Amino acid sequence: MTTTADPEASLREAQKAIQSGNFAAAAAIADAILAEHPEHKDALYMAAVSARYEGRHEDAAQHLSALKSVSPDFGRAYQEEGHLKRKLGDIAGAISAFERATRYNPSLVASWTALAELYG
């Protein structure tokens, strides 16, 4: 595992772990970065994604809350919130989050796709 001396290299490692389905490893990397840099936007995002995939919904929500506090116009934070709310059955909340995601970042294809499915 990469040390947090180079958070960007560690985040690349976390991204690879997420892409390969190793969410526990990604979470450990993100948590190590956050221990030293608690407001690191990308580490908060990776921690939220990993937590959602691991079924740790409360942790995911906490990471997203912190992320939106640090970067209130970060579209991917709202996209991830939409995925989480959808998984939890909060369809209205998911739609709202995906709409906000596309407002802040119109290139988020996953948010547009989710909205099309949810509006169905």
N, C-alpha and C. Protein backbone atom coordinates (compact mmCIF):
# COMPACT_ATOMS: atom_id res chain seq x y z
N MET A 1 0.85 -1.19 0.00
CA MET A 1 0.00 0.00 0.00
C MET A 1 0.89 1.24 0.00
N THR A 2 0.52 2.22 -0.75
CA THR A 2 1.24 3.48 -0.83
C THR A 2 1.06 4.26 0.47
N THR A 3 2.10 4.97 0.85
CA THR A 3 1.97 5.83 2.03
C THR A 3 1.27 7.12 1.64
N THR A 4 0.89 7.88 2.63
CA THR A 4 0.18 9.13 2.35
C THR A 4 1.15 10.29 2.14
N ALA A 5 2.45 10.02 2.04
CA ALA A 5 3.40 11.09 1.75
C ALA A 5 3.07 11.71 0.39
N ASP A 6 2.52 10.92 -0.50
CA ASP A 6 2.08 11.40 -1.81
C ASP A 6 0.61 11.03 -1.97
N PRO A 7 -0.30 11.90 -1.48
CA PRO A 7 -1.72 11.56 -1.53
C PRO A 7 -2.22 11.27 -2.94
N GLU A 8 -1.68 11.95 -3.95
CA GLU A 8 -2.16 11.73 -5.31
C GLU A 8 -1.82 10.33 -5.81
N ALA A 9 -0.62 9.85 -5.50
CA ALA A 9 -0.25 8.49 -5.87
C ALA A 9 -1.12 7.49 -5.12
N SER A 10 -1.38 7.76 -3.86
CA SER A 10 -2.24 6.89 -3.07
C SER A 10 -3.65 6.86 -3.64
N LEU A 11 -4.13 8.00 -4.09
CA LEU A 11 -5.48 8.05 -4.67
C LEU A 11 -5.56 7.27 -5.97
N ARG A 12 -4.50 7.30 -6.75
CA ARG A 12 -4.48 6.48 -7.97
C ARG A 12 -4.57 5.00 -7.61
N GLU A 13 -3.89 4.62 -6.54
CA GLU A 13 -3.95 3.24 -6.06
C GLU A 13 -5.37 2.91 -5.58
N ALA A 14 -6.00 3.84 -4.87
CA ALA A 14 -7.37 3.63 -4.40
C ALA A 14 -8.33 3.49 -5.58
N GLN A 15 -8.13 4.30 -6.61
CA GLN A 15 -8.99 4.22 -7.79
C GLN A 15 -8.86 2.86 -8.46
N LYS A 16 -7.63 2.37 -8.57
CA LYS A 16 -7.42 1.03 -9.15
C LYS A 16 -8.11 -0.03 -8.29
N ALA A 17 -8.04 0.13 -6.98
CA ALA A 17 -8.69 -0.83 -6.08
C ALA A 17 -10.20 -0.82 -6.29
N ILE A 18 -10.79 0.36 -6.43
CA ILE A 18 -12.23 0.46 -6.68
C ILE A 18 -12.57 -0.20 -8.01
N GLN A 19 -11.79 0.08 -9.04
CA GLN A 19 -12.06 -0.49 -10.36
C GLN A 19 -11.96 -2.00 -10.37
N SER A 20 -11.13 -2.56 -9.49
CA SER A 20 -10.99 -4.01 -9.43
C SER A 20 -11.94 -4.64 -8.40
N GLY A 21 -12.76 -3.81 -7.75
CA GLY A 21 -13.72 -4.32 -6.78
C GLY A 21 -13.17 -4.54 -5.39
N ASN A 22 -11.97 -4.06 -5.13
CA ASN A 22 -11.37 -4.21 -3.81
C ASN A 22 -11.67 -2.95 -2.98
N PHE A 23 -12.91 -2.86 -2.53
CA PHE A 23 -13.38 -1.66 -1.86
C PHE A 23 -12.76 -1.49 -0.48
N ALA A 24 -12.44 -2.59 0.18
CA ALA A 24 -11.81 -2.50 1.50
C ALA A 24 -10.43 -1.85 1.38
N ALA A 25 -9.67 -2.24 0.36
CA ALA A 25 -8.35 -1.64 0.16
C ALA A 25 -8.48 -0.16 -0.18
N ALA A 26 -9.43 0.18 -1.03
CA ALA A 26 -9.65 1.58 -1.39
C ALA A 26 -10.03 2.40 -0.16
N ALA A 27 -10.89 1.84 0.67
CA ALA A 27 -11.31 2.54 1.89
C ALA A 27 -10.13 2.75 2.82
N ALA A 28 -9.27 1.74 2.95
CA ALA A 28 -8.11 1.86 3.83
C ALA A 28 -7.17 2.97 3.34
N ILE A 29 -6.98 3.04 2.03
CA ILE A 29 -6.12 4.08 1.47
C ILE A 29 -6.73 5.46 1.71
N ALA A 30 -8.01 5.59 1.41
CA ALA A 30 -8.69 6.87 1.60
C ALA A 30 -8.66 7.28 3.07
N ASP A 31 -8.91 6.33 3.96
CA ASP A 31 -8.89 6.64 5.39
C ASP A 31 -7.51 7.10 5.86
N ALA A 32 -6.46 6.48 5.31
CA ALA A 32 -5.09 6.88 5.68
C ALA A 32 -4.81 8.31 5.23
N ILE A 33 -5.27 8.65 4.04
CA ILE A 33 -5.09 10.02 3.56
C ILE A 33 -5.88 10.99 4.44
N LEU A 34 -7.12 10.62 4.74
CA LEU A 34 -7.98 11.51 5.53
C LEU A 34 -7.46 11.70 6.95
N ALA A 35 -6.72 10.73 7.47
CA ALA A 35 -6.14 10.88 8.81
C ALA A 35 -5.15 12.04 8.84
N GLU A 36 -4.48 12.28 7.72
CA GLU A 36 -3.51 13.38 7.64
C GLU A 36 -4.08 14.63 6.97
N HIS A 37 -5.06 14.42 6.08
CA HIS A 37 -5.64 15.52 5.30
C HIS A 37 -7.16 15.38 5.34
N PRO A 38 -7.80 15.72 6.47
CA PRO A 38 -9.23 15.42 6.65
C PRO A 38 -10.17 16.11 5.66
N GLU A 39 -9.70 17.12 4.96
CA GLU A 39 -10.57 17.80 4.00
C GLU A 39 -10.15 17.54 2.55
N HIS A 40 -9.40 16.47 2.33
CA HIS A 40 -8.95 16.15 0.97
C HIS A 40 -10.16 15.69 0.15
N LYS A 41 -10.52 16.50 -0.81
CA LYS A 41 -11.75 16.28 -1.60
C LYS A 41 -11.79 14.90 -2.24
N ASP A 42 -10.74 14.52 -2.92
CA ASP A 42 -10.76 13.24 -3.64
C ASP A 42 -10.73 12.05 -2.68
N ALA A 43 -10.05 12.19 -1.56
CA ALA A 43 -10.04 11.11 -0.57
C ALA A 43 -11.42 10.94 0.06
N LEU A 44 -12.10 12.05 0.33
CA LEU A 44 -13.47 11.96 0.85
C LEU A 44 -14.38 11.27 -0.16
N TYR A 45 -14.22 11.61 -1.43
CA TYR A 45 -15.03 10.99 -2.47
C TYR A 45 -14.77 9.48 -2.55
N MET A 46 -13.49 9.09 -2.58
CA MET A 46 -13.15 7.66 -2.65
C MET A 46 -13.66 6.92 -1.41
N ALA A 47 -13.58 7.57 -0.26
CA ALA A 47 -14.07 6.94 0.97
C ALA A 47 -15.57 6.73 0.89
N ALA A 48 -16.29 7.70 0.35
CA ALA A 48 -17.75 7.58 0.22
C ALA A 48 -18.12 6.46 -0.76
N VAL A 49 -17.46 6.43 -1.90
CA VAL A 49 -17.73 5.39 -2.90
C VAL A 49 -17.47 4.01 -2.30
N SER A 50 -16.31 3.85 -1.67
CA SER A 50 -15.95 2.56 -1.08
C SER A 50 -16.95 2.14 -0.02
N ALA A 51 -17.33 3.08 0.83
CA ALA A 51 -18.28 2.76 1.90
C ALA A 51 -19.62 2.32 1.32
N ARG A 52 -20.09 2.99 0.27
CA ARG A 52 -21.37 2.60 -0.33
C ARG A 52 -21.29 1.18 -0.89
N TYR A 53 -20.23 0.89 -1.61
CA TYR A 53 -20.10 -0.44 -2.19
C TYR A 53 -19.95 -1.52 -1.13
N GLU A 54 -19.39 -1.17 0.01
CA GLU A 54 -19.24 -2.13 1.10
C GLU A 54 -20.51 -2.25 1.94
N GLY A 55 -21.52 -1.43 1.62
CA GLY A 55 -22.77 -1.48 2.38
C GLY A 55 -22.72 -0.69 3.68
N ARG A 56 -21.70 0.14 3.84
CA ARG A 56 -21.58 0.98 5.04
C ARG A 56 -22.22 2.33 4.72
N HIS A 57 -23.54 2.32 4.67
CA HIS A 57 -24.29 3.48 4.19
C HIS A 57 -24.14 4.72 5.07
N GLU A 58 -24.11 4.53 6.37
CA GLU A 58 -23.95 5.68 7.28
C GLU A 58 -22.58 6.32 7.09
N ASP A 59 -21.55 5.48 6.95
CA ASP A 59 -20.21 6.02 6.70
C ASP A 59 -20.18 6.78 5.38
N ALA A 60 -20.81 6.21 4.36
CA ALA A 60 -20.85 6.88 3.05
C ALA A 60 -21.52 8.24 3.18
N ALA A 61 -22.64 8.29 3.90
CA ALA A 61 -23.36 9.55 4.08
C ALA A 61 -22.51 10.57 4.84
N GLN A 62 -21.77 10.11 5.83
CA GLN A 62 -20.91 11.03 6.59
C GLN A 62 -19.78 11.58 5.72
N HIS A 63 -19.18 10.72 4.92
CA HIS A 63 -18.12 11.19 4.01
C HIS A 63 -18.69 12.19 3.00
N LEU A 64 -19.88 11.91 2.49
CA LEU A 64 -20.50 12.83 1.53
C LEU A 64 -20.84 14.17 2.17
N SER A 65 -21.31 14.14 3.39
CA SER A 65 -21.60 15.39 4.10
C SER A 65 -20.34 16.23 4.25
N ALA A 66 -19.25 15.58 4.65
CA ALA A 66 -17.98 16.29 4.78
C ALA A 66 -17.50 16.81 3.43
N LEU A 67 -17.65 15.99 2.40
CA LEU A 67 -17.22 16.38 1.06
C LEU A 67 -18.00 17.59 0.55
N LYS A 68 -19.30 17.58 0.74
CA LYS A 68 -20.12 18.71 0.28
C LYS A 68 -19.83 19.97 1.10
N SER A 69 -19.40 19.80 2.33
CA SER A 69 -19.01 20.95 3.15
C SER A 69 -17.71 21.56 2.62
N VAL A 70 -16.77 20.71 2.25
CA VAL A 70 -15.47 21.15 1.74
C VAL A 70 -15.60 21.72 0.33
N SER A 71 -16.44 21.07 -0.49
CA SER A 71 -16.55 21.45 -1.90
C SER A 71 -18.02 21.41 -2.32
N PRO A 72 -18.78 22.45 -1.98
CA PRO A 72 -20.24 22.42 -2.18
C PRO A 72 -20.69 22.37 -3.64
N ASP A 73 -19.79 22.61 -4.57
CA ASP A 73 -20.19 22.56 -5.98
C ASP A 73 -19.53 21.40 -6.73
N PHE A 74 -19.12 20.37 -6.00
CA PHE A 74 -18.46 19.20 -6.59
C PHE A 74 -19.53 18.23 -7.07
N GLY A 75 -19.77 18.22 -8.37
CA GLY A 75 -20.85 17.43 -8.94
C GLY A 75 -20.80 15.95 -8.60
N ARG A 76 -19.60 15.37 -8.58
CA ARG A 76 -19.51 13.94 -8.28
C ARG A 76 -19.97 13.61 -6.86
N ALA A 77 -19.88 14.57 -5.94
CA ALA A 77 -20.38 14.33 -4.59
C ALA A 77 -21.89 14.09 -4.63
N TYR A 78 -22.57 14.90 -5.42
CA TYR A 78 -24.03 14.77 -5.52
C TYR A 78 -24.41 13.53 -6.32
N GLN A 79 -23.59 13.19 -7.31
CA GLN A 79 -23.85 11.95 -8.04
C GLN A 79 -23.75 10.76 -7.10
N GLU A 80 -22.70 10.72 -6.29
CA GLU A 80 -22.54 9.63 -5.33
C GLU A 80 -23.68 9.63 -4.31
N GLU A 81 -24.11 10.81 -3.89
CA GLU A 81 -25.26 10.90 -2.99
C GLU A 81 -26.50 10.31 -3.66
N GLY A 82 -26.66 10.58 -4.95
CA GLY A 82 -27.78 10.02 -5.69
C GLY A 82 -27.74 8.50 -5.71
N HIS A 83 -26.56 7.94 -5.96
CA HIS A 83 -26.42 6.48 -5.96
C HIS A 83 -26.77 5.91 -4.58
N LEU A 84 -26.29 6.58 -3.54
CA LEU A 84 -26.56 6.11 -2.17
C LEU A 84 -28.04 6.18 -1.86
N LYS A 85 -28.66 7.30 -2.15
CA LYS A 85 -30.09 7.45 -1.85
C LYS A 85 -30.92 6.46 -2.66
N ARG A 86 -30.54 6.24 -3.89
CA ARG A 86 -31.26 5.26 -4.72
C ARG A 86 -31.14 3.87 -4.11
N LYS A 87 -29.94 3.51 -3.69
CA LYS A 87 -29.73 2.20 -3.07
C LYS A 87 -30.57 2.04 -1.81
N LEU A 88 -30.77 3.14 -1.09
CA LEU A 88 -31.55 3.10 0.15
C LEU A 88 -33.05 3.24 -0.09
N GLY A 89 -33.45 3.38 -1.36
CA GLY A 89 -34.87 3.46 -1.68
C GLY A 89 -35.47 4.86 -1.61
N ASP A 90 -34.64 5.87 -1.43
CA ASP A 90 -35.11 7.25 -1.36
C ASP A 90 -35.07 7.83 -2.78
N ILE A 91 -36.09 7.51 -3.57
CA ILE A 91 -36.10 7.88 -4.98
C ILE A 91 -36.15 9.40 -5.15
N ALA A 92 -37.00 10.08 -4.38
CA ALA A 92 -37.08 11.54 -4.49
C ALA A 92 -35.74 12.18 -4.14
N GLY A 93 -35.10 11.68 -3.10
CA GLY A 93 -33.79 12.19 -2.71
C GLY A 93 -32.74 11.91 -3.77
N ALA A 94 -32.82 10.74 -4.39
CA ALA A 94 -31.88 10.38 -5.45
C ALA A 94 -32.04 11.31 -6.65
N ILE A 95 -33.29 11.54 -7.04
CA ILE A 95 -33.55 12.44 -8.18
C ILE A 95 -32.99 13.83 -7.88
N SER A 96 -33.25 14.33 -6.69
CA SER A 96 -32.75 15.65 -6.31
C SER A 96 -31.23 15.70 -6.37
N ALA A 97 -30.57 14.67 -5.86
CA ALA A 97 -29.11 14.64 -5.86
C ALA A 97 -28.56 14.55 -7.28
N PHE A 98 -29.15 13.69 -8.11
CA PHE A 98 -28.68 13.57 -9.50
C PHE A 98 -28.92 14.87 -10.27
N GLU A 99 -30.03 15.54 -10.01
CA GLU A 99 -30.28 16.84 -10.67
C GLU A 99 -29.22 17.85 -10.28
N ARG A 100 -28.88 17.88 -9.00
CA ARG A 100 -27.86 18.81 -8.53
C ARG A 100 -26.50 18.44 -9.14
N ALA A 101 -26.22 17.15 -9.23
CA ALA A 101 -24.96 16.71 -9.84
C ALA A 101 -24.83 17.23 -11.26
N THR A 102 -25.91 17.11 -12.04
CA THR A 102 -25.85 17.56 -13.43
C THR A 102 -25.81 19.08 -13.54
N ARG A 103 -26.34 19.76 -12.55
CA ARG A 103 -26.26 21.22 -12.55
C ARG A 103 -24.81 21.67 -12.36
N TYR A 104 -24.11 21.01 -11.43
CA TYR A 104 -22.72 21.38 -11.16
C TYR A 104 -21.74 20.83 -12.19
N ASN A 105 -22.09 19.69 -12.78
CA ASN A 105 -21.20 19.07 -13.78
C ASN A 105 -22.05 18.39 -14.84
N PRO A 106 -22.39 19.10 -15.90
CA PRO A 106 -23.27 18.55 -16.93
C PRO A 106 -22.69 17.34 -17.68
N SER A 107 -21.42 17.03 -17.49
CA SER A 107 -20.82 15.90 -18.20
C SER A 107 -20.93 14.58 -17.43
N LEU A 108 -21.64 14.55 -16.32
CA LEU A 108 -21.77 13.32 -15.53
C LEU A 108 -22.83 12.40 -16.16
N VAL A 109 -22.38 11.57 -17.08
CA VAL A 109 -23.28 10.69 -17.83
C VAL A 109 -24.06 9.77 -16.90
N ALA A 110 -23.43 9.26 -15.86
CA ALA A 110 -24.12 8.34 -14.94
C ALA A 110 -25.30 9.03 -14.27
N SER A 111 -25.17 10.31 -13.98
CA SER A 111 -26.29 11.05 -13.37
C SER A 111 -27.43 11.22 -14.36
N TRP A 112 -27.10 11.56 -15.59
CA TRP A 112 -28.14 11.71 -16.62
C TRP A 112 -28.85 10.37 -16.86
N THR A 113 -28.08 9.29 -16.92
CA THR A 113 -28.65 7.96 -17.12
C THR A 113 -29.58 7.60 -15.96
N ALA A 114 -29.13 7.85 -14.75
CA ALA A 114 -29.95 7.55 -13.58
C ALA A 114 -31.23 8.37 -13.59
N LEU A 115 -31.14 9.64 -13.96
CA LEU A 115 -32.35 10.47 -14.03
C LEU A 115 -33.33 9.92 -15.06
N ALA A 116 -32.82 9.52 -16.21
CA ALA A 116 -33.70 8.95 -17.24
C ALA A 116 -34.40 7.70 -16.72
N GLU A 117 -33.67 6.86 -16.00
CA GLU A 117 -34.26 5.64 -15.44
C GLU A 117 -35.27 5.97 -14.36
N LEU A 118 -34.95 6.93 -13.50
CA LEU A 118 -35.83 7.26 -12.38
C LEU A 118 -37.07 8.01 -12.83
N TYR A 119 -36.93 8.84 -13.86
CA TYR A 119 -38.11 9.54 -14.39
C TYR A 119 -38.98 8.57 -15.16
N GLY A 120 -38.30 7.54 -15.75
CA GLY A 120 -38.91 6.48 -16.53
C GLY A 120 -40.26 6.73 -16.99
